[in-house]
Amino acid sequence: MKRVIVDFKKLTPEILSLLVEKYPDGYDDDHIISFKNAKGETVDAVEVRTEDAIYLVKVSTRLENTMANFDEDDYDDDDFNEPIVDIPEKDNDEEDED
């Protein structure tokens, strides 16, 4: 089984779909795996598996910092009217399988 390290900014639609499926409510500290890369740097990632590969998706500290520094007062109400991405509706058949 191959192991692939993927930067969060370079996710393919397939891997992104797997991440959303595995972590529908987002990930937390319990899901993060820390390891040293070839340069000896500590890398934090979340794991997603397929039949033939293990993907370690790097967690971006810039993303965490942006979220931590977010202040609604810095934005107008108009900035919140349009969604950034479309979120697909959950299929009722999928809910019945749980």
C-alpha atoms as a PDB file:
ATOM      1  CA  MET A   1       0.000   0.000   0.000  1.00  0.00           C
ATOM      2  CA  LYS A   2       1.480   3.348  -1.002  1.00  0.00           C
ATOM      3  CA  ARG A   3       1.647   6.289   1.397  1.00  0.00           C
ATOM      4  CA  VAL A   4       1.157   9.802   0.059  1.00  0.00           C
ATOM      5  CA  ILE A   5       1.617  13.130   1.834  1.00  0.00           C
ATOM      6  CA  VAL A   6      -0.664  15.799   0.380  1.00  0.00           C
ATOM      7  CA  ASP A   7      -0.659  19.521   1.096  1.00  0.00           C
ATOM      8  CA  PHE A   8      -4.095  20.821   2.087  1.00  0.00           C
ATOM      9  CA  LYS A   9      -3.901  23.429  -0.717  1.00  0.00           C
ATOM     10  CA  LYS A  10      -3.344  20.738  -3.369  1.00  0.00           C
ATOM     11  CA  LEU A  11      -6.201  18.367  -2.587  1.00  0.00           C
ATOM     12  CA  THR A  12      -7.797  16.544  -5.475  1.00  0.00           C
ATOM     13  CA  PRO A  13     -11.605  16.357  -5.569  1.00  0.00           C
ATOM     14  CA  GLU A  14     -11.336  12.633  -4.755  1.00  0.00           C
ATOM     15  CA  ILE A  15      -9.270  13.153  -1.600  1.00  0.00           C
ATOM     16  CA  LEU A  16     -11.383  16.138  -0.558  1.00  0.00           C
ATOM     17  CA  SER A  17     -14.489  13.993  -0.918  1.00  0.00           C
ATOM     18  CA  LEU A  18     -12.911  11.286   1.257  1.00  0.00           C
ATOM     19  CA  LEU A  19     -11.995  13.879   3.897  1.00  0.00           C
ATOM     20  CA  VAL A  20     -15.535  15.260   3.992  1.00  0.00           C
ATOM     21  CA  GLU A  21     -16.920  11.734   4.240  1.00  0.00           C
ATOM     22  CA  LYS A  22     -14.553  10.717   7.055  1.00  0.00           C
ATOM     23  CA  TYR A  23     -14.764  14.002   8.988  1.00  0.00           C
ATOM     24  CA  PRO A  24     -18.258  15.405   8.237  1.00  0.00           C
ATOM     25  CA  ASP A  25     -18.139  17.637  11.327  1.00  0.00           C
ATOM     26  CA  GLY A  26     -14.486  18.569  10.827  1.00  0.00           C
ATOM     27  CA  TYR A  27     -11.445  17.113  12.543  1.00  0.00           C
ATOM     28  CA  ASP A  28     -10.106  17.794  16.016  1.00  0.00           C
ATOM     29  CA  ASP A  29      -6.838  17.204  17.868  1.00  0.00           C
ATOM     30  CA  ASP A  30      -7.612  13.499  18.314  1.00  0.00           C
ATOM     31  CA  HIS A  31      -7.576  13.014  14.522  1.00  0.00           C
ATOM     32  CA  ILE A  32      -4.239  14.755  13.894  1.00  0.00           C
ATOM     33  CA  ILE A  33      -1.127  12.639  13.333  1.00  0.00           C
ATOM     34  CA  SER A  34       2.286  14.261  13.913  1.00  0.00           C
ATOM     35  CA  PHE A  35       5.449  12.962  12.253  1.00  0.00           C
ATOM     36  CA  LYS A  36       8.869  14.110  11.033  1.00  0.00           C
ATOM     37  CA  ASN A  37       9.376  14.547   7.292  1.00  0.00           C
ATOM     38  CA  ALA A  38      12.620  13.877   5.392  1.00  0.00           C
ATOM     39  CA  LYS A  39      13.892  17.360   6.344  1.00  0.00           C
ATOM     40  CA  GLY A  40      13.352  16.646  10.045  1.00  0.00           C
ATOM     41  CA  GLU A  41      10.426  19.086  10.271  1.00  0.00           C
ATOM     42  CA  THR A  42       7.363  18.183  12.319  1.00  0.00           C
ATOM     43  CA  VAL A  43       4.290  17.751  10.132  1.00  0.00           C
ATOM     44  CA  ASP A  44       0.688  17.537  11.343  1.00  0.00           C
ATOM     45  CA  ALA A  45      -1.785  15.698   9.124  1.00  0.00           C
ATOM     46  CA  VAL A  46      -5.084  13.852   9.064  1.00  0.00           C
ATOM     47  CA  GLU A  47      -5.303  10.374   7.551  1.00  0.00           C
ATOM     48  CA  VAL A  48      -7.577   9.185   4.762  1.00  0.00           C
ATOM     49  CA  ARG A  49      -7.406   5.628   3.379  1.00  0.00           C
ATOM     50  CA  THR A  50      -8.425   4.141   0.060  1.00  0.00           C
ATOM     51  CA  GLU A  51      -8.116   0.525  -1.064  1.00  0.00           C
ATOM     52  CA  ASP A  52      -4.634   1.118  -2.458  1.00  0.00           C
ATOM     53  CA  ALA A  53      -3.232   4.143  -0.586  1.00  0.00           C
ATOM     54  CA  ILE A  54      -2.954   5.996   2.703  1.00  0.00           C
ATOM     55  CA  TYR A  55      -3.138   9.762   2.294  1.00  0.00           C
ATOM     56  CA  LEU A  56      -1.751  12.027   5.003  1.00  0.00           C
ATOM     57  CA  VAL A  57      -3.263  15.451   4.363  1.00  0.00           C
ATOM     58  CA  LYS A  58      -1.149  18.182   5.933  1.00  0.00           C
ATOM     59  CA  VAL A  59      -2.991  20.480   8.301  1.00  0.00           C
ATOM     60  CA  SER A  60      -2.236  24.105   7.532  1.00  0.00           C
ATOM     61  CA  THR A  61      -1.220  26.301  10.444  1.00  0.00           C
ATOM     62  CA  ARG A  62      -2.183  29.300   8.300  1.00  0.00           C
ATOM     63  CA  LEU A  63      -5.716  27.935   8.150  1.00  0.00           C
ATOM     64  CA  GLU A  64      -5.787  27.528  11.930  1.00  0.00           C
ATOM     65  CA  ASN A  65      -4.421  31.059  12.439  1.00  0.00           C
ATOM     66  CA  THR A  66      -6.933  32.550  10.028  1.00  0.00           C
ATOM     67  CA  MET A  67      -9.769  30.812  11.833  1.00  0.00           C
ATOM     68  CA  ALA A  68      -8.453  31.838  15.258  1.00  0.00           C
ATOM     69  CA  ASN A  69      -8.062  35.490  14.228  1.00  0.00           C
ATOM     70  CA  PHE A  70     -11.442  35.701  12.519  1.00  0.00           C
ATOM     71  CA  ASP A  71     -13.591  38.557  13.809  1.00  0.00           C
ATOM     72  CA  GLU A  72     -17.081  39.110  12.423  1.00  0.00           C
ATOM     73  CA  ASP A  73     -16.802  42.828  13.176  1.00  0.00           C
ATOM     74  CA  ASP A  74     -14.131  43.112  10.468  1.00  0.00           C
ATOM     75  CA  TYR A  75     -16.733  42.287   7.791  1.00  0.00           C
ATOM     76  CA  ASP A  76     -19.988  43.796   6.511  1.00  0.00           C
ATOM     77  CA  ASP A  77     -23.214  41.800   6.608  1.00  0.00           C
ATOM     78  CA  ASP A  78     -23.093  41.657   2.788  1.00  0.00           C
ATOM     79  CA  ASP A  79     -19.904  39.575   3.017  1.00  0.00           C
ATOM     80  CA  PHE A  80     -21.887  36.758   4.648  1.00  0.00           C
ATOM     81  CA  ASN A  81     -24.753  36.577   2.130  1.00  0.00           C
ATOM     82  CA  GLU A  82     -23.048  34.536  -0.567  1.00  0.00           C
ATOM     83  CA  PRO A  83     -21.681  31.051   0.164  1.00  0.00           C
ATOM     84  CA  ILE A  84     -18.022  30.492  -0.647  1.00  0.00           C
ATOM     85  CA  VAL A  85     -18.656  26.922  -1.827  1.00  0.00           C
ATOM     86  CA  ASP A  86     -21.779  24.941  -2.542  1.00  0.00           C
ATOM     87  CA  ILE A  87     -22.321  22.158  -0.033  1.00  0.00           C
ATOM     88  CA  PRO A  88     -24.077  19.134  -1.564  1.00  0.00           C
ATOM     89  CA  GLU A  89     -27.283  18.090   0.109  1.00  0.00           C
ATOM     90  CA  LYS A  90     -27.184  14.787   1.968  1.00  0.00           C
ATOM     91  CA  ASP A  91     -29.016  11.983   0.195  1.00  0.00           C
ATOM     92  CA  ASN A  92     -31.817  10.451   2.284  1.00  0.00           C
ATOM     93  CA  ASP A  93     -30.627   6.960   1.299  1.00  0.00           C
ATOM     94  CA  GLU A  94     -27.281   7.666   2.991  1.00  0.00           C
ATOM     95  CA  GLU A  95     -29.006   8.669   6.234  1.00  0.00           C
ATOM     96  CA  ASP A  96     -30.969   5.397   6.300  1.00  0.00           C
ATOM     97  CA  GLU A  97     -27.751   3.345   6.118  1.00  0.00           C
ATOM     98  CA  ASP A  98     -26.421   4.747   9.420  1.00  0.00           C
END
